[in-house]
Amino acid sequence: MLFPILGIIAGILLGLFLPVNISAAYAPYLSIAILASLDSVLGGARANMEKNFDINIFMSGFISNSMVAAGLAYIGDLLGVPIYLAAIFVFGSRIFNNIAIIRRYFISSFQRNKRQP
């Protein structure tokens, strides 16, 4: 559980302090890539807490979700329709769902530890 959190913190710090300029044309793809990776990391953390983490499921979900989301963004660009917003909506809702479950896990774990002498 500690490694994903450290990875997220390291990634945020690198992103803040390394000067990288991304073209505005790639903003939809970058936003989807960030959301896909955050969704996978939080889903992996949740599965780890529930004691059913599987690296094959984690990696296949990460790759397939990223490819489908990037494909939607590309097709949307070709059609002139912002289809990537659908992927952003889905990933966003999954992220909030995973955060809520992780939060409930920590609260219940804290309350159980508090009750024990």
PDB file of N, CA and C in Angstrom:
ATOM      1  N   MET A   1       0.824  -1.192   0.000  1.00  0.00           N
ATOM      2  CA  MET A   1       0.000   0.000   0.000  1.00  0.00           C
ATOM      3  C   MET A   1       0.863   1.248   0.000  1.00  0.00           C
ATOM      4  N   LEU A   2       2.026   1.149   0.584  1.00  0.00           N
ATOM      5  CA  LEU A   2       2.899   2.313   0.684  1.00  0.00           C
ATOM      6  C   LEU A   2       3.518   2.683  -0.658  1.00  0.00           C
ATOM      7  N   PHE A   3       3.848   1.694  -1.480  1.00  0.00           N
ATOM      8  CA  PHE A   3       4.506   1.971  -2.746  1.00  0.00           C
ATOM      9  C   PHE A   3       3.643   2.765  -3.730  1.00  0.00           C
ATOM     10  N   PRO A   4       2.353   2.446  -3.887  1.00  0.00           N
ATOM     11  CA  PRO A   4       1.543   3.275  -4.785  1.00  0.00           C
ATOM     12  C   PRO A   4       1.447   4.727  -4.320  1.00  0.00           C
ATOM     13  N   ILE A   5       1.329   4.927  -3.030  1.00  0.00           N
ATOM     14  CA  ILE A   5       1.238   6.294  -2.509  1.00  0.00           C
ATOM     15  C   ILE A   5       2.545   7.039  -2.749  1.00  0.00           C
ATOM     16  N   LEU A   6       3.681   6.370  -2.488  1.00  0.00           N
ATOM     17  CA  LEU A   6       4.975   6.997  -2.750  1.00  0.00           C
ATOM     18  C   LEU A   6       5.158   7.284  -4.237  1.00  0.00           C
ATOM     19  N   GLY A   7       4.685   6.400  -5.083  1.00  0.00           N
ATOM     20  CA  GLY A   7       4.768   6.612  -6.525  1.00  0.00           C
ATOM     21  C   GLY A   7       3.958   7.812  -6.977  1.00  0.00           C
ATOM     22  N   ILE A   8       2.759   7.965  -6.423  1.00  0.00           N
ATOM     23  CA  ILE A   8       1.924   9.112  -6.766  1.00  0.00           C
ATOM     24  C   ILE A   8       2.598  10.404  -6.314  1.00  0.00           C
ATOM     25  N   ILE A   9       3.127  10.414  -5.094  1.00  0.00           N
ATOM     26  CA  ILE A   9       3.794  11.608  -4.579  1.00  0.00           C
ATOM     27  C   ILE A   9       5.023  11.941  -5.421  1.00  0.00           C
ATOM     28  N   ALA A  10       5.823  10.930  -5.756  1.00  0.00           N
ATOM     29  CA  ALA A  10       7.012  11.160  -6.585  1.00  0.00           C
ATOM     30  C   ALA A  10       6.628  11.697  -7.963  1.00  0.00           C
ATOM     31  N   GLY A  11       5.573  11.145  -8.548  1.00  0.00           N
ATOM     32  CA  GLY A  11       5.113  11.619  -9.852  1.00  0.00           C
ATOM     33  C   GLY A  11       4.629  13.051  -9.816  1.00  0.00           C
ATOM     34  N   ILE A  12       3.910  13.404  -8.773  1.00  0.00           N
ATOM     35  CA  ILE A  12       3.432  14.786  -8.635  1.00  0.00           C
ATOM     36  C   ILE A  12       4.612  15.744  -8.475  1.00  0.00           C
ATOM     37  N   LEU A  13       5.564  15.368  -7.634  1.00  0.00           N
ATOM     38  CA  LEU A  13       6.734  16.232  -7.427  1.00  0.00           C
ATOM     39  C   LEU A  13       7.559  16.381  -8.707  1.00  0.00           C
ATOM     40  N   LEU A  14       7.757  15.292  -9.432  1.00  0.00           N
ATOM     41  CA  LEU A  14       8.476  15.383 -10.705  1.00  0.00           C
ATOM     42  C   LEU A  14       7.723  16.270 -11.695  1.00  0.00           C
ATOM     43  N   GLY A  15       6.422  16.124 -11.743  1.00  0.00           N
ATOM     44  CA  GLY A  15       5.621  16.938 -12.650  1.00  0.00           C
ATOM     45  C   GLY A  15       5.653  18.416 -12.305  1.00  0.00           C
ATOM     46  N   LEU A  16       5.748  18.722 -11.026  1.00  0.00           N
ATOM     47  CA  LEU A  16       5.786  20.128 -10.619  1.00  0.00           C
ATOM     48  C   LEU A  16       7.135  20.786 -10.894  1.00  0.00           C
ATOM     49  N   PHE A  17       8.219  20.026 -10.763  1.00  0.00           N
ATOM     50  CA  PHE A  17       9.544  20.635 -10.824  1.00  0.00           C
ATOM     51  C   PHE A  17      10.297  20.419 -12.137  1.00  0.00           C
ATOM     52  N   LEU A  18       9.839  19.526 -12.996  1.00  0.00           N
ATOM     53  CA  LEU A  18      10.486  19.352 -14.291  1.00  0.00           C
ATOM     54  C   LEU A  18       9.763  20.197 -15.341  1.00  0.00           C
ATOM     55  N   PRO A  19      10.504  21.014 -16.074  1.00  0.00           N
ATOM     56  CA  PRO A  19       9.857  21.879 -17.072  1.00  0.00           C
ATOM     57  C   PRO A  19       9.513  21.107 -18.348  1.00  0.00           C
ATOM     58  N   VAL A  20       8.282  20.685 -18.449  1.00  0.00           N
ATOM     59  CA  VAL A  20       7.814  19.962 -19.620  1.00  0.00           C
ATOM     60  C   VAL A  20       6.650  20.749 -20.215  1.00  0.00           C
ATOM     61  N   ASN A  21       6.771  21.074 -21.497  1.00  0.00           N
ATOM     62  CA  ASN A  21       5.704  21.800 -22.180  1.00  0.00           C
ATOM     63  C   ASN A  21       4.959  20.836 -23.099  1.00  0.00           C
ATOM     64  N   ILE A  22       3.655  20.760 -22.894  1.00  0.00           N
ATOM     65  CA  ILE A  22       2.802  19.882 -23.696  1.00  0.00           C
ATOM     66  C   ILE A  22       1.950  20.764 -24.601  1.00  0.00           C
ATOM     67  N   SER A  23       1.874  20.417 -25.856  1.00  0.00           N
ATOM     68  CA  SER A  23       1.052  21.169 -26.802  1.00  0.00           C
ATOM     69  C   SER A  23      -0.423  21.045 -26.425  1.00  0.00           C
ATOM     70  N   ALA A  24      -1.176  22.083 -26.679  1.00  0.00           N
ATOM     71  CA  ALA A  24      -2.607  22.064 -26.370  1.00  0.00           C
ATOM     72  C   ALA A  24      -3.345  21.014 -27.192  1.00  0.00           C
ATOM     73  N   ALA A  25      -2.786  20.626 -28.321  1.00  0.00           N
ATOM     74  CA  ALA A  25      -3.422  19.599 -29.151  1.00  0.00           C
ATOM     75  C   ALA A  25      -3.415  18.243 -28.463  1.00  0.00           C
ATOM     76  N   TYR A  26      -2.464  18.028 -27.557  1.00  0.00           N
ATOM     77  CA  TYR A  26      -2.366  16.756 -26.862  1.00  0.00           C
ATOM     78  C   TYR A  26      -3.038  16.767 -25.497  1.00  0.00           C
ATOM     79  N   ALA A  27      -3.654  17.855 -25.116  1.00  0.00           N
ATOM     80  CA  ALA A  27      -4.285  17.967 -23.795  1.00  0.00           C
ATOM     81  C   ALA A  27      -5.357  16.903 -23.559  1.00  0.00           C
ATOM     82  N   PRO A  28      -6.239  16.620 -24.514  1.00  0.00           N
ATOM     83  CA  PRO A  28      -7.226  15.552 -24.263  1.00  0.00           C
ATOM     84  C   PRO A  28      -6.579  14.190 -24.016  1.00  0.00           C
ATOM     85  N   TYR A  29      -5.521  13.887 -24.770  1.00  0.00           N
ATOM     86  CA  TYR A  29      -4.847  12.608 -24.596  1.00  0.00           C
ATOM     87  C   TYR A  29      -4.130  12.544 -23.250  1.00  0.00           C
ATOM     88  N   LEU A  30      -3.499  13.642 -22.851  1.00  0.00           N
ATOM     89  CA  LEU A  30      -2.799  13.674 -21.579  1.00  0.00           C
ATOM     90  C   LEU A  30      -3.769  13.561 -20.408  1.00  0.00           C
ATOM     91  N   SER A  31      -4.903  14.244 -20.506  1.00  0.00           N
ATOM     92  CA  SER A  31      -5.880  14.163 -19.420  1.00  0.00           C
ATOM     93  C   SER A  31      -6.415  12.746 -19.271  1.00  0.00           C
ATOM     94  N   ILE A  32      -6.651  12.081 -20.375  1.00  0.00           N
ATOM     95  CA  ILE A  32      -7.127  10.697 -20.319  1.00  0.00           C
ATOM     96  C   ILE A  32      -6.044   9.780 -19.767  1.00  0.00           C
ATOM     97  N   ALA A  33      -4.800   9.992 -20.161  1.00  0.00           N
ATOM     98  CA  ALA A  33      -3.708   9.156 -19.666  1.00  0.00           C
ATOM     99  C   ALA A  33      -3.547   9.308 -18.153  1.00  0.00           C
ATOM    100  N   ILE A  34      -3.637  10.532 -17.666  1.00  0.00           N
ATOM    101  CA  ILE A  34      -3.520  10.766 -16.223  1.00  0.00           C
ATOM    102  C   ILE A  34      -4.678  10.117 -15.480  1.00  0.00           C
ATOM    103  N   LEU A  35      -5.888  10.294 -15.978  1.00  0.00           N
ATOM    104  CA  LEU A  35      -7.041   9.689 -15.311  1.00  0.00           C
ATOM    105  C   LEU A  35      -7.003   8.170 -15.365  1.00  0.00           C
ATOM    106  N   ALA A  36      -6.572   7.600 -16.485  1.00  0.00           N
ATOM    107  CA  ALA A  36      -6.479   6.135 -16.590  1.00  0.00           C
ATOM    108  C   ALA A  36      -5.463   5.588 -15.601  1.00  0.00           C
ATOM    109  N   SER A  37      -4.326   6.257 -15.491  1.00  0.00           N
ATOM    110  CA  SER A  37      -3.314   5.767 -14.550  1.00  0.00           C
ATOM    111  C   SER A  37      -3.762   5.939 -13.110  1.00  0.00           C
ATOM    112  N   LEU A  38      -4.389   7.060 -12.789  1.00  0.00           N
ATOM    113  CA  LEU A  38      -4.884   7.270 -11.425  1.00  0.00           C
ATOM    114  C   LEU A  38      -5.988   6.276 -11.086  1.00  0.00           C
ATOM    115  N   ASP A  39      -6.860   6.000 -12.043  1.00  0.00           N
ATOM    116  CA  ASP A  39      -7.912   5.009 -11.830  1.00  0.00           C
ATOM    117  C   ASP A  39      -7.303   3.637 -11.564  1.00  0.00           C
ATOM    118  N   SER A  40      -6.287   3.260 -12.331  1.00  0.00           N
ATOM    119  CA  SER A  40      -5.657   1.957 -12.139  1.00  0.00           C
ATOM    120  C   SER A  40      -4.942   1.869 -10.795  1.00  0.00           C
ATOM    121  N   VAL A  41      -4.233   2.924 -10.412  1.00  0.00           N
ATOM    122  CA  VAL A  41      -3.513   2.907  -9.138  1.00  0.00           C
ATOM    123  C   VAL A  41      -4.490   2.814  -7.971  1.00  0.00           C
ATOM    124  N   LEU A  42      -5.550   3.606  -8.009  1.00  0.00           N
ATOM    125  CA  LEU A  42      -6.525   3.556  -6.919  1.00  0.00           C
ATOM    126  C   LEU A  42      -7.282   2.237  -6.907  1.00  0.00           C
ATOM    127  N   GLY A  43      -7.579   1.690  -8.082  1.00  0.00           N
ATOM    128  CA  GLY A  43      -8.212   0.376  -8.142  1.00  0.00           C
ATOM    129  C   GLY A  43      -7.297  -0.710  -7.604  1.00  0.00           C
ATOM    130  N   GLY A  44      -6.004  -0.603  -7.901  1.00  0.00           N
ATOM    131  CA  GLY A  44      -5.037  -1.559  -7.360  1.00  0.00           C
ATOM    132  C   GLY A  44      -4.906  -1.439  -5.853  1.00  0.00           C
ATOM    133  N   ALA A  45      -4.907  -0.207  -5.344  1.00  0.00           N
ATOM    134  CA  ALA A  45      -4.837  -0.004  -3.889  1.00  0.00           C
ATOM    135  C   ALA A  45      -6.077  -0.579  -3.213  1.00  0.00           C
ATOM    136  N   ARG A  46      -7.222  -0.354  -3.833  1.00  0.00           N
ATOM    137  CA  ARG A  46      -8.472  -0.899  -3.284  1.00  0.00           C
ATOM    138  C   ARG A  46      -8.439  -2.422  -3.276  1.00  0.00           C
ATOM    139  N   ALA A  47      -8.000  -3.027  -4.378  1.00  0.00           N
ATOM    140  CA  ALA A  47      -7.927  -4.485  -4.453  1.00  0.00           C
ATOM    141  C   ALA A  47      -6.930  -5.028  -3.440  1.00  0.00           C
ATOM    142  N   ASN A  48      -5.850  -4.319  -3.228  1.00  0.00           N
ATOM    143  CA  ASN A  48      -4.861  -4.742  -2.245  1.00  0.00           C
ATOM    144  C   ASN A  48      -5.458  -4.721  -0.841  1.00  0.00           C
ATOM    145  N   MET A  49      -6.234  -3.702  -0.529  1.00  0.00           N
ATOM    146  CA  MET A  49      -6.880  -3.632   0.784  1.00  0.00           C
ATOM    147  C   MET A  49      -7.914  -4.727   0.964  1.00  0.00           C
ATOM    148  N   GLU A  50      -8.579  -5.089  -0.124  1.00  0.00           N
ATOM    149  CA  GLU A  50      -9.587  -6.150  -0.072  1.00  0.00           C
ATOM    150  C   GLU A  50      -8.957  -7.535  -0.192  1.00  0.00           C
ATOM    151  N   LYS A  51      -7.637  -7.596  -0.263  1.00  0.00           N
ATOM    152  CA  LYS A  51      -6.874  -8.850  -0.326  1.00  0.00           C
ATOM    153  C   LYS A  51      -7.162  -9.677  -1.581  1.00  0.00           C
ATOM    154  N   ASN A  52      -7.451  -9.009  -2.701  1.00  0.00           N
ATOM    155  CA  ASN A  52      -7.661  -9.742  -3.943  1.00  0.00           C
ATOM    156  C   ASN A  52      -6.931  -9.074  -5.116  1.00  0.00           C
ATOM    157  N   PHE A  53      -5.764  -8.503  -4.849  1.00  0.00           N
ATOM    158  CA  PHE A  53      -4.964  -7.866  -5.901  1.00  0.00           C
ATOM    159  C   PHE A  53      -4.327  -8.923  -6.785  1.00  0.00           C
ATOM    160  N   ASP A  54      -4.395  -8.699  -8.080  1.00  0.00           N
ATOM    161  CA  ASP A  54      -3.765  -9.580  -9.063  1.00  0.00           C
ATOM    162  C   ASP A  54      -3.056  -8.688 -10.079  1.00  0.00           C
ATOM    163  N   ILE A  55      -1.752  -8.852 -10.218  1.00  0.00           N
ATOM    164  CA  ILE A  55      -0.963  -7.996 -11.099  1.00  0.00           C
ATOM    165  C   ILE A  55      -1.401  -8.126 -12.551  1.00  0.00           C
ATOM    166  N   ASN A  56      -1.845  -9.327 -12.969  1.00  0.00           N
ATOM    167  CA  ASN A  56      -2.306  -9.502 -14.349  1.00  0.00           C
ATOM    168  C   ASN A  56      -3.560  -8.696 -14.623  1.00  0.00           C
ATOM    169  N   ILE A  57      -4.487  -8.694 -13.693  1.00  0.00           N
ATOM    170  CA  ILE A  57      -5.703  -7.898 -13.851  1.00  0.00           C
ATOM    171  C   ILE A  57      -5.369  -6.413 -13.835  1.00  0.00           C
ATOM    172  N   PHE A  58      -4.459  -6.028 -12.936  1.00  0.00           N
ATOM    173  CA  PHE A  58      -4.053  -4.628 -12.838  1.00  0.00           C
ATOM    174  C   PHE A  58      -3.444  -4.142 -14.154  1.00  0.00           C
ATOM    175  N   MET A  59      -2.464  -4.874 -14.677  1.00  0.00           N
ATOM    176  CA  MET A  59      -1.779  -4.453 -15.903  1.00  0.00           C
ATOM    177  C   MET A  59      -2.691  -4.505 -17.128  1.00  0.00           C
ATOM    178  N   SER A  60      -3.492  -5.555 -17.237  1.00  0.00           N
ATOM    179  CA  SER A  60      -4.385  -5.638 -18.397  1.00  0.00           C
ATOM    180  C   SER A  60      -5.443  -4.552 -18.348  1.00  0.00           C
ATOM    181  N   GLY A  61      -5.935  -4.239 -17.153  1.00  0.00           N
ATOM    182  CA  GLY A  61      -6.903  -3.149 -17.028  1.00  0.00           C
ATOM    183  C   GLY A  61      -6.290  -1.811 -17.351  1.00  0.00           C
ATOM    184  N   PHE A  62      -5.073  -1.582 -16.889  1.00  0.00           N
ATOM    185  CA  PHE A  62      -4.393  -0.322 -17.168  1.00  0.00           C
ATOM    186  C   PHE A  62      -4.186  -0.125 -18.664  1.00  0.00           C
ATOM    187  N   ILE A  63      -3.674  -1.161 -19.327  1.00  0.00           N
ATOM    188  CA  ILE A  63      -3.374  -1.048 -20.757  1.00  0.00           C
ATOM    189  C   ILE A  63      -4.654  -0.941 -21.578  1.00  0.00           C
ATOM    190  N   SER A  64      -5.633  -1.799 -21.299  1.00  0.00           N
ATOM    191  CA  SER A  64      -6.854  -1.767 -22.111  1.00  0.00           C
ATOM    192  C   SER A  64      -7.657  -0.489 -21.887  1.00  0.00           C
ATOM    193  N   ASN A  65      -7.747  -0.032 -20.646  1.00  0.00           N
ATOM    194  CA  ASN A  65      -8.462   1.217 -20.396  1.00  0.00           C
ATOM    195  C   ASN A  65      -7.787   2.393 -21.084  1.00  0.00           C
ATOM    196  N   SER A  66      -6.472   2.425 -21.043  1.00  0.00           N
ATOM    197  CA  SER A  66      -5.734   3.511 -21.686  1.00  0.00           C
ATOM    198  C   SER A  66      -5.922   3.484 -23.198  1.00  0.00           C
ATOM    199  N   MET A  67      -5.871   2.296 -23.778  1.00  0.00           N
ATOM    200  CA  MET A  67      -6.004   2.189 -25.226  1.00  0.00           C
ATOM    201  C   MET A  67      -7.418   2.551 -25.696  1.00  0.00           C
ATOM    202  N   VAL A  68      -8.421   2.096 -24.966  1.00  0.00           N
ATOM    203  CA  VAL A  68      -9.793   2.422 -25.350  1.00  0.00           C
ATOM    204  C   VAL A  68     -10.050   3.928 -25.208  1.00  0.00           C
ATOM    205  N   ALA A  69      -9.565   4.513 -24.118  1.00  0.00           N
ATOM    206  CA  ALA A  69      -9.763   5.942 -23.910  1.00  0.00           C
ATOM    207  C   ALA A  69      -9.026   6.762 -24.964  1.00  0.00           C
ATOM    208  N   ALA A  70      -7.783   6.378 -25.289  1.00  0.00           N
ATOM    209  CA  ALA A  70      -7.035   7.085 -26.328  1.00  0.00           C
ATOM    210  C   ALA A  70      -7.707   6.909 -27.690  1.00  0.00           C
ATOM    211  N   GLY A  71      -8.230   5.726 -27.942  1.00  0.00           N
ATOM    212  CA  GLY A  71      -8.963   5.498 -29.187  1.00  0.00           C
ATOM    213  C   GLY A  71     -10.202   6.366 -29.287  1.00  0.00           C
ATOM    214  N   LEU A  72     -10.927   6.507 -28.183  1.00  0.00           N
ATOM    215  CA  LEU A  72     -12.088   7.399 -28.185  1.00  0.00           C
ATOM    216  C   LEU A  72     -11.684   8.841 -28.470  1.00  0.00           C
ATOM    217  N   ALA A  73     -10.607   9.276 -27.861  1.00  0.00           N
ATOM    218  CA  ALA A  73     -10.140  10.647 -28.090  1.00  0.00           C
ATOM    219  C   ALA A  73      -9.727  10.835 -29.548  1.00  0.00           C
ATOM    220  N   TYR A  74      -9.052   9.854 -30.115  1.00  0.00           N
ATOM    221  CA  TYR A  74      -8.609   9.953 -31.503  1.00  0.00           C
ATOM    222  C   TYR A  74      -9.802   9.975 -32.463  1.00  0.00           C
ATOM    223  N   ILE A  75     -10.743   9.067 -32.246  1.00  0.00           N
ATOM    224  CA  ILE A  75     -11.939   9.037 -33.106  1.00  0.00           C
ATOM    225  C   ILE A  75     -12.721  10.336 -32.969  1.00  0.00           C
ATOM    226  N   GLY A  76     -12.807  10.848 -31.752  1.00  0.00           N
ATOM    227  CA  GLY A  76     -13.476  12.118 -31.542  1.00  0.00           C
ATOM    228  C   GLY A  76     -12.794  13.245 -32.280  1.00  0.00           C
ATOM    229  N   ASP A  77     -11.461  13.245 -32.304  1.00  0.00           N
ATOM    230  CA  ASP A  77     -10.729  14.265 -33.066  1.00  0.00           C
ATOM    231  C   ASP A  77     -11.028  14.160 -34.555  1.00  0.00           C
ATOM    232  N   LEU A  78     -11.075  12.932 -35.054  1.00  0.00           N
ATOM    233  CA  LEU A  78     -11.380  12.749 -36.476  1.00  0.00           C
ATOM    234  C   LEU A  78     -12.784  13.227 -36.828  1.00  0.00           C
ATOM    235  N   LEU A  79     -13.731  12.998 -35.911  1.00  0.00           N
ATOM    236  CA  LEU A  79     -15.122  13.387 -36.164  1.00  0.00           C
ATOM    237  C   LEU A  79     -15.426  14.826 -35.781  1.00  0.00           C
ATOM    238  N   GLY A  80     -14.524  15.433 -35.026  1.00  0.00           N
ATOM    239  CA  GLY A  80     -14.755  16.796 -34.570  1.00  0.00           C
ATOM    240  C   GLY A  80     -15.695  16.864 -33.377  1.00  0.00           C
ATOM    241  N   VAL A  81     -15.804  15.773 -32.649  1.00  0.00           N
ATOM    242  CA  VAL A  81     -16.682  15.679 -31.482  1.00  0.00           C
ATOM    243  C   VAL A  81     -15.818  15.338 -30.267  1.00  0.00           C
ATOM    244  N   PRO A  82     -16.006  16.029 -29.147  1.00  0.00           N
ATOM    245  CA  PRO A  82     -15.162  15.737 -27.970  1.00  0.00           C
ATOM    246  C   PRO A  82     -15.600  14.464 -27.236  1.00  0.00           C
ATOM    247  N   ILE A  83     -15.413  13.308 -27.878  1.00  0.00           N
ATOM    248  CA  ILE A  83     -15.811  12.033 -27.292  1.00  0.00           C
ATOM    249  C   ILE A  83     -14.960  11.704 -26.070  1.00  0.00           C
ATOM    250  N   TYR A  84     -13.749  12.267 -25.990  1.00  0.00           N
ATOM    251  CA  TYR A  84     -12.874  11.989 -24.853  1.00  0.00           C
ATOM    252  C   TYR A  84     -13.519  12.381 -23.539  1.00  0.00           C
ATOM    253  N   LEU A  85     -14.504  13.263 -23.582  1.00  0.00           N
ATOM    254  CA  LEU A  85     -15.202  13.662 -22.354  1.00  0.00           C
ATOM    255  C   LEU A  85     -15.937  12.481 -21.722  1.00  0.00           C
ATOM    256  N   ALA A  86     -16.385  11.530 -22.535  1.00  0.00           N
ATOM    257  CA  ALA A  86     -17.040  10.334 -21.989  1.00  0.00           C
ATOM    258  C   ALA A  86     -16.057   9.531 -21.152  1.00  0.00           C
ATOM    259  N   ALA A  87     -14.829   9.378 -21.660  1.00  0.00           N
ATOM    260  CA  ALA A  87     -13.814   8.642 -20.901  1.00  0.00           C
ATOM    261  C   ALA A  87     -13.448   9.397 -19.629  1.00  0.00           C
ATOM    262  N   ILE A  88     -13.364  10.708 -19.707  1.00  0.00           N
ATOM    263  CA  ILE A  88     -13.058  11.510 -18.519  1.00  0.00           C
ATOM    264  C   ILE A  88     -14.159  11.346 -17.481  1.00  0.00           C
ATOM    265  N   PHE A  89     -15.408  11.339 -17.916  1.00  0.00           N
ATOM    266  CA  PHE A  89     -16.524  11.160 -16.989  1.00  0.00           C
ATOM    267  C   PHE A  89     -16.461   9.788 -16.314  1.00  0.00           C
ATOM    268  N   VAL A  90     -16.223   8.743 -17.096  1.00  0.00           N
ATOM    269  CA  VAL A  90     -16.182   7.385 -16.537  1.00  0.00           C
ATOM    270  C   VAL A  90     -15.011   7.224 -15.578  1.00  0.00           C
ATOM    271  N   PHE A  91     -13.823   7.657 -16.000  1.00  0.00           N
ATOM    272  CA  PHE A  91     -12.663   7.537 -15.120  1.00  0.00           C
ATOM    273  C   PHE A  91     -12.844   8.374 -13.859  1.00  0.00           C
ATOM    274  N   GLY A  92     -13.388   9.566 -14.012  1.00  0.00           N
ATOM    275  CA  GLY A  92     -13.620  10.421 -12.842  1.00  0.00           C
ATOM    276  C   GLY A  92     -14.559   9.781 -11.843  1.00  0.00           C
ATOM    277  N   SER A  93     -15.643   9.202 -12.331  1.00  0.00           N
ATOM    278  CA  SER A  93     -16.589   8.567 -11.404  1.00  0.00           C
ATOM    279  C   SER A  93     -15.970   7.335 -10.744  1.00  0.00           C
ATOM    280  N   ARG A  94     -15.164   6.570 -11.485  1.00  0.00           N
ATOM    281  CA  ARG A  94     -14.497   5.401 -10.894  1.00  0.00           C
ATOM    282  C   ARG A  94     -13.464   5.818  -9.848  1.00  0.00           C
ATOM    283  N   ILE A  95     -12.764   6.917 -10.112  1.00  0.00           N
ATOM    284  CA  ILE A  95     -11.782   7.423  -9.148  1.00  0.00           C
ATOM    285  C   ILE A  95     -12.474   7.818  -7.854  1.00  0.00           C
ATOM    286  N   PHE A  96     -13.572   8.568  -7.961  1.00  0.00           N
ATOM    287  CA  PHE A  96     -14.293   8.974  -6.756  1.00  0.00           C
ATOM    288  C   PHE A  96     -14.867   7.770  -6.017  1.00  0.00           C
ATOM    289  N   ASN A  97     -15.331   6.764  -6.751  1.00  0.00           N
ATOM    290  CA  ASN A  97     -15.851   5.550  -6.127  1.00  0.00           C
ATOM    291  C   ASN A  97     -14.741   4.816  -5.372  1.00  0.00           C
ATOM    292  N   ASN A  98     -13.575   4.664  -5.999  1.00  0.00           N
ATOM    293  CA  ASN A  98     -12.461   3.991  -5.334  1.00  0.00           C
ATOM    294  C   ASN A  98     -11.990   4.770  -4.106  1.00  0.00           C
ATOM    295  N   ILE A  99     -11.929   6.087  -4.208  1.00  0.00           N
ATOM    296  CA  ILE A  99     -11.530   6.897  -3.057  1.00  0.00           C
ATOM    297  C   ILE A  99     -12.527   6.730  -1.917  1.00  0.00           C
ATOM    298  N   ALA A 100     -13.810   6.692  -2.229  1.00  0.00           N
ATOM    299  CA  ALA A 100     -14.828   6.517  -1.186  1.00  0.00           C
ATOM    300  C   ALA A 100     -14.668   5.159  -0.495  1.00  0.00           C
ATOM    301  N   ILE A 101     -14.416   4.118  -1.250  1.00  0.00           N
ATOM    302  CA  ILE A 101     -14.246   2.791  -0.661  1.00  0.00           C
ATOM    303  C   ILE A 101     -12.973   2.733   0.176  1.00  0.00           C
ATOM    304  N   ILE A 102     -11.889   3.313  -0.322  1.00  0.00           N
ATOM    305  CA  ILE A 102     -10.639   3.350   0.449  1.00  0.00           C
ATOM    306  C   ILE A 102     -10.826   4.143   1.733  1.00  0.00           C
ATOM    307  N   ARG A 103     -11.531   5.256   1.647  1.00  0.00           N
ATOM    308  CA  ARG A 103     -11.804   6.078   2.837  1.00  0.00           C
ATOM    309  C   ARG A 103     -12.604   5.288   3.865  1.00  0.00           C
ATOM    310  N   ARG A 104     -13.654   4.592   3.416  1.00  0.00           N
ATOM    311  CA  ARG A 104     -14.456   3.781   4.335  1.00  0.00           C
ATOM    312  C   ARG A 104     -13.618   2.669   4.972  1.00  0.00           C
ATOM    313  N   TYR A 105     -12.720   2.087   4.209  1.00  0.00           N
ATOM    314  CA  TYR A 105     -11.841   1.043   4.747  1.00  0.00           C
ATOM    315  C   TYR A 105     -10.977   1.610   5.872  1.00  0.00           C
ATOM    316  N   PHE A 106     -10.370   2.769   5.626  1.00  0.00           N
ATOM    317  CA  PHE A 106      -9.517   3.368   6.656  1.00  0.00           C
ATOM    318  C   PHE A 106     -10.314   3.777   7.888  1.00  0.00           C
ATOM    319  N   ILE A 107     -11.499   4.314   7.712  1.00  0.00           N
ATOM    320  CA  ILE A 107     -12.329   4.719   8.851  1.00  0.00           C
ATOM    321  C   ILE A 107     -12.741   3.502   9.667  1.00  0.00           C
ATOM    322  N   SER A 108     -13.195   2.439   9.004  1.00  0.00           N
ATOM    323  CA  SER A 108     -13.605   1.244   9.751  1.00  0.00           C
ATOM    324  C   SER A 108     -12.409   0.585  10.426  1.00  0.00           C
ATOM    325  N   SER A 109     -11.256   0.595   9.765  1.00  0.00           N
ATOM    326  CA  SER A 109     -10.053   0.040  10.376  1.00  0.00           C
ATOM    327  C   SER A 109      -9.640   0.857  11.598  1.00  0.00           C
ATOM    328  N   PHE A 110      -9.733   2.166  11.503  1.00  0.00           N
ATOM    329  CA  PHE A 110      -9.396   3.036  12.632  1.00  0.00           C
ATOM    330  C   PHE A 110     -10.358   2.809  13.797  1.00  0.00           C
ATOM    331  N   GLN A 111     -11.655   2.663  13.483  1.00  0.00           N
ATOM    332  CA  GLN A 111     -12.632   2.456  14.543  1.00  0.00           C
ATOM    333  C   GLN A 111     -12.449   1.098  15.208  1.00  0.00           C
ATOM    334  N   ARG A 112     -12.094   0.065  14.445  1.00  0.00           N
ATOM    335  CA  ARG A 112     -11.826  -1.252  15.037  1.00  0.00           C
ATOM    336  C   ARG A 112     -10.625  -1.212  15.956  1.00  0.00           C
ATOM    337  N   ASN A 113      -9.573  -0.522  15.539  1.00  0.00           N
ATOM    338  CA  ASN A 113      -8.369  -0.419  16.358  1.00  0.00           C
ATOM    339  C   ASN A 113      -8.617   0.423  17.604  1.00  0.00           C
ATOM    340  N   LYS A 114      -9.510   1.382  17.509  1.00  0.00           N
ATOM    341  CA  LYS A 114      -9.818   2.260  18.631  1.00  0.00           C
ATOM    342  C   LYS A 114     -10.596   1.498  19.713  1.00  0.00           C
ATOM    343  N   ARG A 115     -11.453   0.565  19.285  1.00  0.00           N
ATOM    344  CA  ARG A 115     -12.270  -0.203  20.236  1.00  0.00           C
ATOM    345  C   ARG A 115     -11.450  -1.239  20.993  1.00  0.00           C
ATOM    346  N   GLN A 116     -10.395  -1.743  20.377  1.00  0.00           N
ATOM    347  CA  GLN A 116      -9.590  -2.780  21.032  1.00  0.00           C
ATOM    348  C   GLN A 116      -8.699  -2.139  22.094  1.00  0.00           C
ATOM    349  N   PRO A 117      -8.618  -2.784  23.277  1.00  0.00           N
ATOM    350  CA  PRO A 117      -7.795  -2.212  24.352  1.00  0.00           C
ATOM    351  C   PRO A 117      -6.324  -2.338  24.110  1.00  0.00           C
TER     352      PRO A 117
END
